[in-house]
Protein backbone atom coordinates (compact mmCIF):
# COMPACT_ATOMS: atom_id res chain seq x y z
CA MET A 1 -53.06 15.84 -38.41
CA SER A 2 -53.04 12.14 -39.20
CA ILE A 3 -54.77 10.74 -42.26
CA LEU A 4 -55.92 7.19 -42.97
CA VAL A 5 -56.35 6.14 -46.59
CA ILE A 6 -58.19 2.90 -47.32
CA ALA A 7 -56.48 1.10 -50.21
CA GLU A 8 -58.56 -0.28 -53.05
CA HIS A 9 -57.11 -3.50 -54.47
CA ASP A 10 -57.90 -7.01 -55.67
CA ASN A 11 -55.38 -8.75 -53.38
CA ALA A 12 -52.92 -8.81 -56.29
CA SER A 13 -52.36 -5.16 -57.24
CA LEU A 14 -53.15 -1.68 -55.99
CA ASN A 15 -55.89 0.18 -57.86
CA ALA A 16 -54.71 3.42 -59.44
CA SER A 17 -57.53 5.30 -57.71
CA THR A 18 -55.67 4.86 -54.42
CA LEU A 19 -52.72 6.85 -55.77
CA SER A 20 -55.09 9.71 -56.59
CA THR A 21 -56.61 9.45 -53.12
CA LEU A 22 -53.10 9.74 -51.69
CA ALA A 23 -52.69 12.96 -53.69
CA ALA A 24 -55.81 14.36 -51.99
CA ALA A 25 -54.42 13.29 -48.62
CA ALA A 26 -51.14 15.08 -49.37
CA THR A 27 -53.08 18.26 -50.13
CA ILE A 28 -54.72 18.10 -46.70
CA GLY A 29 -51.30 17.67 -45.09
CA GLY A 30 -50.03 15.48 -42.25
CA ASP A 31 -48.81 11.92 -41.80
CA VAL A 32 -50.49 9.48 -44.17
CA THR A 33 -51.21 5.89 -43.14
CA VAL A 34 -52.67 3.41 -45.62
CA LEU A 35 -54.84 0.46 -44.61
CA VAL A 36 -54.52 -2.67 -46.74
CA ALA A 37 -57.33 -5.00 -45.69
CA GLY A 38 -57.44 -8.25 -47.65
CA HIS A 39 -56.06 -11.75 -47.80
CA ASN A 40 -52.65 -12.88 -49.09
CA ALA A 41 -52.13 -9.36 -50.43
CA SER A 42 -48.37 -9.09 -49.89
CA ALA A 43 -47.87 -7.70 -53.42
CA VAL A 44 -50.34 -4.90 -52.64
CA VAL A 45 -48.54 -4.12 -49.39
CA THR A 46 -45.23 -3.83 -51.27
CA GLU A 47 -46.79 -1.50 -53.85
CA THR A 48 -48.31 0.63 -51.11
CA GLN A 49 -45.03 0.90 -49.23
CA ALA A 50 -43.39 2.27 -52.37
CA ALA A 51 -46.04 4.94 -53.02
CA SER A 52 -44.91 8.52 -52.50
CA GLY A 53 -45.96 10.21 -49.27
CA VAL A 54 -46.98 7.10 -47.33
CA THR A 55 -45.69 7.06 -43.75
CA LYS A 56 -47.04 3.70 -42.60
CA VAL A 57 -48.96 0.74 -44.01
CA LEU A 58 -51.43 -1.08 -41.75
CA VAL A 59 -51.98 -4.69 -42.83
CA VAL A 60 -55.07 -6.68 -41.87
CA ASP A 61 -54.90 -10.16 -43.40
CA ASP A 62 -57.87 -12.47 -43.02
CA ALA A 63 -59.86 -14.76 -45.32
CA ALA A 64 -63.03 -12.85 -44.37
CA LEU A 65 -61.57 -9.76 -46.08
CA ALA A 66 -60.60 -11.49 -49.33
CA ASP A 67 -63.68 -10.40 -51.24
CA GLY A 68 -64.05 -6.88 -49.86
CA LEU A 69 -67.46 -7.28 -48.23
CA ALA A 70 -68.56 -3.85 -47.02
CA GLU A 71 -69.56 -5.07 -43.57
CA ASN A 72 -66.15 -6.54 -42.82
CA ILE A 73 -64.13 -3.69 -44.32
CA ALA A 74 -66.29 -1.20 -42.41
CA SER A 75 -65.70 -3.10 -39.17
CA VAL A 76 -61.92 -2.75 -39.57
CA VAL A 77 -62.13 0.95 -40.46
CA THR A 78 -64.58 1.78 -37.67
CA GLY A 79 -62.28 0.17 -35.12
CA ILE A 80 -59.33 2.45 -35.91
CA ALA A 81 -60.94 5.59 -37.38
CA GLY A 82 -60.88 7.42 -34.06
CA GLU A 83 -57.08 7.52 -34.15
CA TYR A 84 -57.11 9.76 -37.25
CA SER A 85 -58.31 13.22 -38.17
CA HIS A 86 -59.32 12.15 -41.71
CA VAL A 87 -60.32 8.87 -43.34
CA LEU A 88 -60.17 8.87 -47.15
CA THR A 89 -60.96 6.39 -49.88
CA ALA A 90 -61.77 6.59 -53.59
CA ALA A 91 -65.32 7.47 -54.66
CA SER A 92 -65.45 4.22 -56.60
CA ASN A 93 -67.82 1.28 -56.18
CA PHE A 94 -65.44 0.07 -53.47
CA GLY A 95 -65.55 3.30 -51.49
CA LYS A 96 -69.26 3.89 -52.03
CA ASN A 97 -69.90 0.39 -50.71
CA PHE A 98 -68.35 0.61 -47.26
CA MET A 99 -67.83 4.28 -46.34
CA PRO A 100 -71.53 5.10 -45.73
CA ARG A 101 -71.63 2.20 -43.30
CA VAL A 102 -68.62 3.60 -41.47
CA ALA A 103 -70.29 7.03 -41.30
CA ALA A 104 -73.50 5.52 -39.93
CA LYS A 105 -71.71 3.46 -37.28
CA LEU A 106 -69.65 6.45 -36.15
CA ASP A 107 -72.63 8.83 -36.42
CA MET A 108 -70.60 11.26 -38.49
CA MET A 109 -71.11 13.09 -41.77
CA GLN A 110 -69.60 11.69 -44.96
CA VAL A 111 -68.24 14.22 -47.46
CA SER A 112 -68.66 12.47 -50.81
CA ASP A 113 -66.88 12.71 -54.14
CA ILE A 114 -64.62 15.69 -53.38
CA VAL A 115 -62.82 17.39 -56.26
CA GLU A 116 -60.84 19.96 -54.28
CA VAL A 117 -59.35 20.42 -50.82
CA VAL A 118 -59.79 23.99 -49.58
CA SER A 119 -58.47 23.36 -46.07
CA ALA A 120 -58.29 20.56 -43.53
CA ASP A 121 -62.02 20.83 -42.82
CA THR A 122 -63.39 22.35 -46.03
CA PHE A 123 -63.87 20.58 -49.34
CA VAL A 124 -65.50 21.09 -52.75
CA ARG A 125 -67.81 18.51 -54.30
CA PRO A 126 -70.03 18.55 -57.41
CA ILE A 127 -73.82 18.61 -57.17
CA TYR A 128 -76.68 18.65 -59.70
CA ALA A 129 -74.90 16.17 -61.99
CA GLY A 130 -71.75 18.27 -61.95
CA ASN A 131 -73.43 21.51 -63.02
CA ALA A 132 -72.65 23.22 -59.72
CA LEU A 133 -69.99 22.94 -57.04
CA MET A 134 -70.69 22.98 -53.32
CA THR A 135 -68.17 23.95 -50.65
CA VAL A 136 -68.68 21.77 -47.56
CA LYS A 137 -67.20 22.34 -44.10
CA SER A 138 -67.14 19.47 -41.64
CA SER A 139 -66.98 19.97 -37.88
CA ASP A 140 -66.74 16.23 -37.10
CA SER A 141 -63.70 15.07 -35.17
CA VAL A 142 -63.03 12.56 -37.96
CA LYS A 143 -63.58 13.70 -41.54
CA LEU A 144 -64.91 10.78 -43.61
CA ILE A 145 -64.20 11.53 -47.27
CA THR A 146 -64.52 9.86 -50.64
CA VAL A 147 -62.34 11.28 -53.40
CA ARG A 148 -63.11 11.65 -57.11
CA SER A 149 -59.90 10.16 -58.45
CA THR A 150 -60.03 12.02 -61.78
CA ALA A 151 -59.78 15.35 -59.91
CA PHE A 152 -56.36 14.63 -58.39
CA ASP A 153 -53.16 13.69 -60.21
CA ALA A 154 -51.87 10.39 -58.86
CA VAL A 155 -48.79 10.44 -56.65
CA GLU A 156 -45.67 8.62 -57.80
CA ALA A 157 -45.97 4.87 -57.38
CA THR A 158 -42.27 4.52 -56.53
CA GLY A 159 -39.74 6.13 -54.23
CA GLY A 160 -41.41 5.50 -50.88
CA SER A 161 -40.27 3.16 -48.12
CA ALA A 162 -43.09 3.09 -45.58
CA ALA A 163 -42.98 0.86 -42.53
CA THR A 164 -45.65 -1.81 -41.99
CA GLU A 165 -47.71 -2.79 -38.97
CA ASP A 166 -49.93 -5.87 -38.68
CA LEU A 167 -53.38 -5.59 -37.12
CA ALA A 168 -55.67 -8.42 -36.07
CA PHE A 169 -59.12 -8.84 -37.61
CA GLY A 170 -62.10 -9.28 -35.31
CA VAL A 171 -65.22 -11.32 -36.00
CA ALA A 172 -66.64 -11.53 -39.50
CA PHE A 173 -70.17 -10.21 -40.03
CA ALA A 174 -72.50 -13.22 -40.19
CA GLY A 175 -75.37 -11.54 -42.03
CA THR A 176 -73.73 -11.56 -45.47
CA SER A 177 -71.51 -13.91 -47.41
CA PHE A 178 -69.68 -13.79 -50.70
CA VAL A 179 -71.25 -15.96 -53.41
CA SER A 180 -69.52 -15.25 -56.71
CA ARG A 181 -68.12 -12.53 -58.93
CA ASP A 182 -68.44 -12.20 -62.70
CA VAL A 183 -65.44 -10.30 -64.04
CA THR A 184 -65.14 -9.02 -67.59
CA GLU A 185 -61.63 -9.84 -68.78
CA SER A 186 -60.06 -7.35 -71.18
CA GLU A 187 -56.59 -6.49 -72.40
CA ARG A 188 -57.68 -2.90 -72.92
CA PRO A 189 -56.89 -0.13 -70.42
CA GLU A 190 -59.12 0.23 -67.38
CA LEU A 191 -61.97 2.61 -68.17
CA ALA A 192 -61.57 4.84 -65.12
CA THR A 193 -57.88 5.56 -65.75
CA ALA A 194 -57.51 5.23 -69.54
CA ARG A 195 -55.88 8.06 -71.53
CA ILE A 196 -58.28 7.50 -74.44
CA VAL A 197 -61.92 6.44 -74.13
CA VAL A 198 -64.22 5.53 -77.01
CA SER A 199 -67.87 5.54 -75.94
CA GLY A 200 -70.97 4.52 -77.84
CA GLY A 201 -74.59 5.44 -77.26
CA ARG A 202 -78.06 4.43 -78.34
CA GLY A 203 -77.30 5.83 -81.79
CA VAL A 204 -75.08 2.82 -82.49
CA GLY A 205 -78.29 0.88 -82.97
CA SER A 206 -77.68 -2.62 -81.64
CA LYS A 207 -75.36 -4.89 -79.70
CA GLU A 208 -73.99 -6.30 -82.95
CA GLN A 209 -73.30 -2.85 -84.39
CA PHE A 210 -71.58 -1.81 -81.15
CA SER A 211 -68.58 -3.74 -82.49
CA ILE A 212 -67.71 -0.57 -84.43
CA ILE A 213 -66.93 1.06 -81.05
CA ASP A 214 -64.78 -1.92 -80.05
CA ASP A 215 -62.92 -1.79 -83.36
CA LEU A 216 -62.06 1.89 -83.02
CA ALA A 217 -60.97 1.39 -79.42
CA GLU A 218 -58.76 -1.50 -80.50
CA LYS A 219 -57.18 0.69 -83.15
CA LEU A 220 -56.49 3.49 -80.66
CA GLY A 221 -55.49 1.32 -77.69
CA ALA A 222 -58.42 2.87 -75.85
CA ALA A 223 -60.92 1.80 -73.22
CA VAL A 224 -64.54 1.24 -74.24
CA GLY A 225 -67.32 3.24 -72.61
CA ALA A 226 -71.05 3.50 -73.11
CA SER A 227 -73.96 5.74 -72.23
CA ARG A 228 -76.62 4.50 -69.86
CA ALA A 229 -79.04 4.25 -72.79
CA ALA A 230 -76.64 1.88 -74.56
CA VAL A 231 -76.15 -0.21 -71.43
CA ASP A 232 -79.88 -0.37 -70.69
CA SER A 233 -80.47 -1.44 -74.30
CA GLY A 234 -78.00 -4.31 -73.87
CA TYR A 235 -75.42 -2.96 -76.32
CA ALA A 236 -72.61 -2.94 -73.74
CA PRO A 237 -72.01 -4.41 -70.26
CA ASN A 238 -72.77 -2.38 -67.15
CA ASP A 239 -69.10 -1.91 -66.24
CA CYS A 240 -68.70 0.20 -69.40
CA GLN A 241 -71.26 2.79 -68.30
CA VAL A 242 -70.01 6.37 -68.08
CA GLY A 243 -72.09 8.99 -66.32
CA GLN A 244 -73.74 10.05 -63.11
CA THR A 245 -74.76 6.49 -62.27
CA GLY A 246 -71.70 4.92 -63.92
CA LYS A 247 -68.00 5.69 -63.94
CA VAL A 248 -66.44 9.13 -63.97
CA VAL A 249 -63.61 9.48 -66.47
CA ALA A 250 -61.26 12.30 -67.44
CA PRO A 251 -59.07 10.97 -70.29
CA ASP A 252 -56.88 12.99 -72.62
CA ILE A 253 -59.35 12.24 -75.45
CA TYR A 254 -62.99 11.17 -75.14
CA PHE A 255 -64.92 10.02 -78.20
CA ALA A 256 -68.70 10.32 -77.79
CA ILE A 257 -70.16 8.35 -80.71
CA GLY A 258 -73.90 8.19 -81.20
CA ILE A 259 -74.35 9.75 -77.74
CA SER A 260 -76.81 12.63 -77.40
CA GLY A 261 -75.06 13.88 -74.27
CA ALA A 262 -77.75 14.10 -71.61
CA ILE A 263 -76.72 15.89 -68.45
CA GLN A 264 -76.35 12.57 -66.62
CA HIS A 265 -73.77 11.38 -69.16
CA GLN A 266 -71.93 14.69 -69.15
CA ALA A 267 -71.50 14.36 -65.38
CA GLY A 268 -69.21 11.40 -66.00
CA MET A 269 -67.00 12.76 -68.80
CA ARG A 270 -67.14 16.55 -69.05
CA GLU A 271 -63.70 16.89 -67.39
CA SER A 272 -62.05 15.09 -70.34
CA LYS A 273 -59.26 17.20 -71.84
CA ILE A 274 -60.51 16.84 -75.43
CA ILE A 275 -64.03 15.73 -76.35
CA VAL A 276 -64.81 14.53 -79.87
CA ALA A 277 -68.51 14.08 -80.66
CA ILE A 278 -69.98 12.24 -83.65
CA ASN A 279 -73.74 12.49 -84.00
CA LYS A 280 -76.14 13.07 -86.90
CA ASP A 281 -78.35 15.31 -84.74
CA ASP A 282 -76.81 18.78 -84.87
CA GLU A 283 -78.84 19.82 -81.81
CA ALA A 284 -77.53 17.03 -79.59
CA PRO A 285 -76.44 18.45 -76.19
CA ILE A 286 -73.04 16.77 -76.51
CA PHE A 287 -71.99 19.41 -79.05
CA GLN A 288 -72.31 22.11 -76.37
CA ILE A 289 -69.25 20.73 -74.54
CA ALA A 290 -67.39 19.07 -77.43
CA ASP A 291 -64.05 20.45 -78.59
CA TYR A 292 -64.58 18.82 -81.99
CA GLY A 293 -67.98 17.92 -83.38
CA ILE A 294 -68.87 15.98 -86.50
CA VAL A 295 -72.52 16.11 -87.62
CA ALA A 296 -72.78 12.95 -89.68
CA ASP A 297 -73.75 9.30 -89.61
CA LEU A 298 -71.31 7.47 -87.33
CA PHE A 299 -71.28 4.49 -89.70
CA ASP A 300 -69.81 6.76 -92.37
CA VAL A 301 -67.36 8.64 -90.15
CA VAL A 302 -65.89 5.90 -87.93
CA PRO A 303 -64.79 3.54 -90.77
CA GLU A 304 -63.18 6.50 -92.55
CA LEU A 305 -61.44 7.51 -89.34
CA MET A 306 -60.07 4.00 -88.87
CA GLN A 307 -58.69 4.03 -92.42
CA GLN A 308 -56.71 7.17 -91.56
CA LEU A 309 -55.22 5.68 -88.40
């Protein structure tokens, strides 16, 4: 078997989700090739070469790939997918953006968001907001797979020495163009891979009061998350959203503060190793999955907690 992993990156560094995708590829077994499609991404290529288990790195360098437009990435992947038994990428915004297009162009089934590899053609993925697991078997000649990165421990980022091969890019898709990107700059850990996450919900009350979540996260060196209700209310930016329609996280400790814990939110954080819930409603669903629950006003508990840190 030969496996192609599509690297997620920003042309400067490799996203940690790719290392988890490589772990899933290793579980399937076979030679693993990684595609780095971008522009002036030599640092990413070097990182990828060093990753454990990588046999070869394919490099496609073109200005049309600099901003990761789905149409152009999909064009590259579609052109070489037939040479591999499996094509994998992370089930992140990046992967969700281009992989369905690849599946449509190849007329093949996509197996989305896998959390377990049973065999080379059989995989497990969550359904019903994570409340059930489905075992899926694919008979396609090329298995197109997106991987839930929190379900696989990342491979070592060092120790490898993969060879590289340059590939030419074809014609850029004329129907779309990159306009701009608004990026939230933060010195805190990335939400999807942070060891500690502090999330706030509608119970925080307002955008101004959401600073109490930021303050606790600062104290703990944690990433900041939010429920969809908090994001929709304007308390926190969209890239902080945790849940079925946001990011999936599995930190060592997850603080759910002022979050009722609807099933959609639980789908994005229930795999956390330790869940600490603070909510004044003792019947909030979050307490059903919390390891530690505090029934109290968050504005009383969080300041006291920070004093003890």
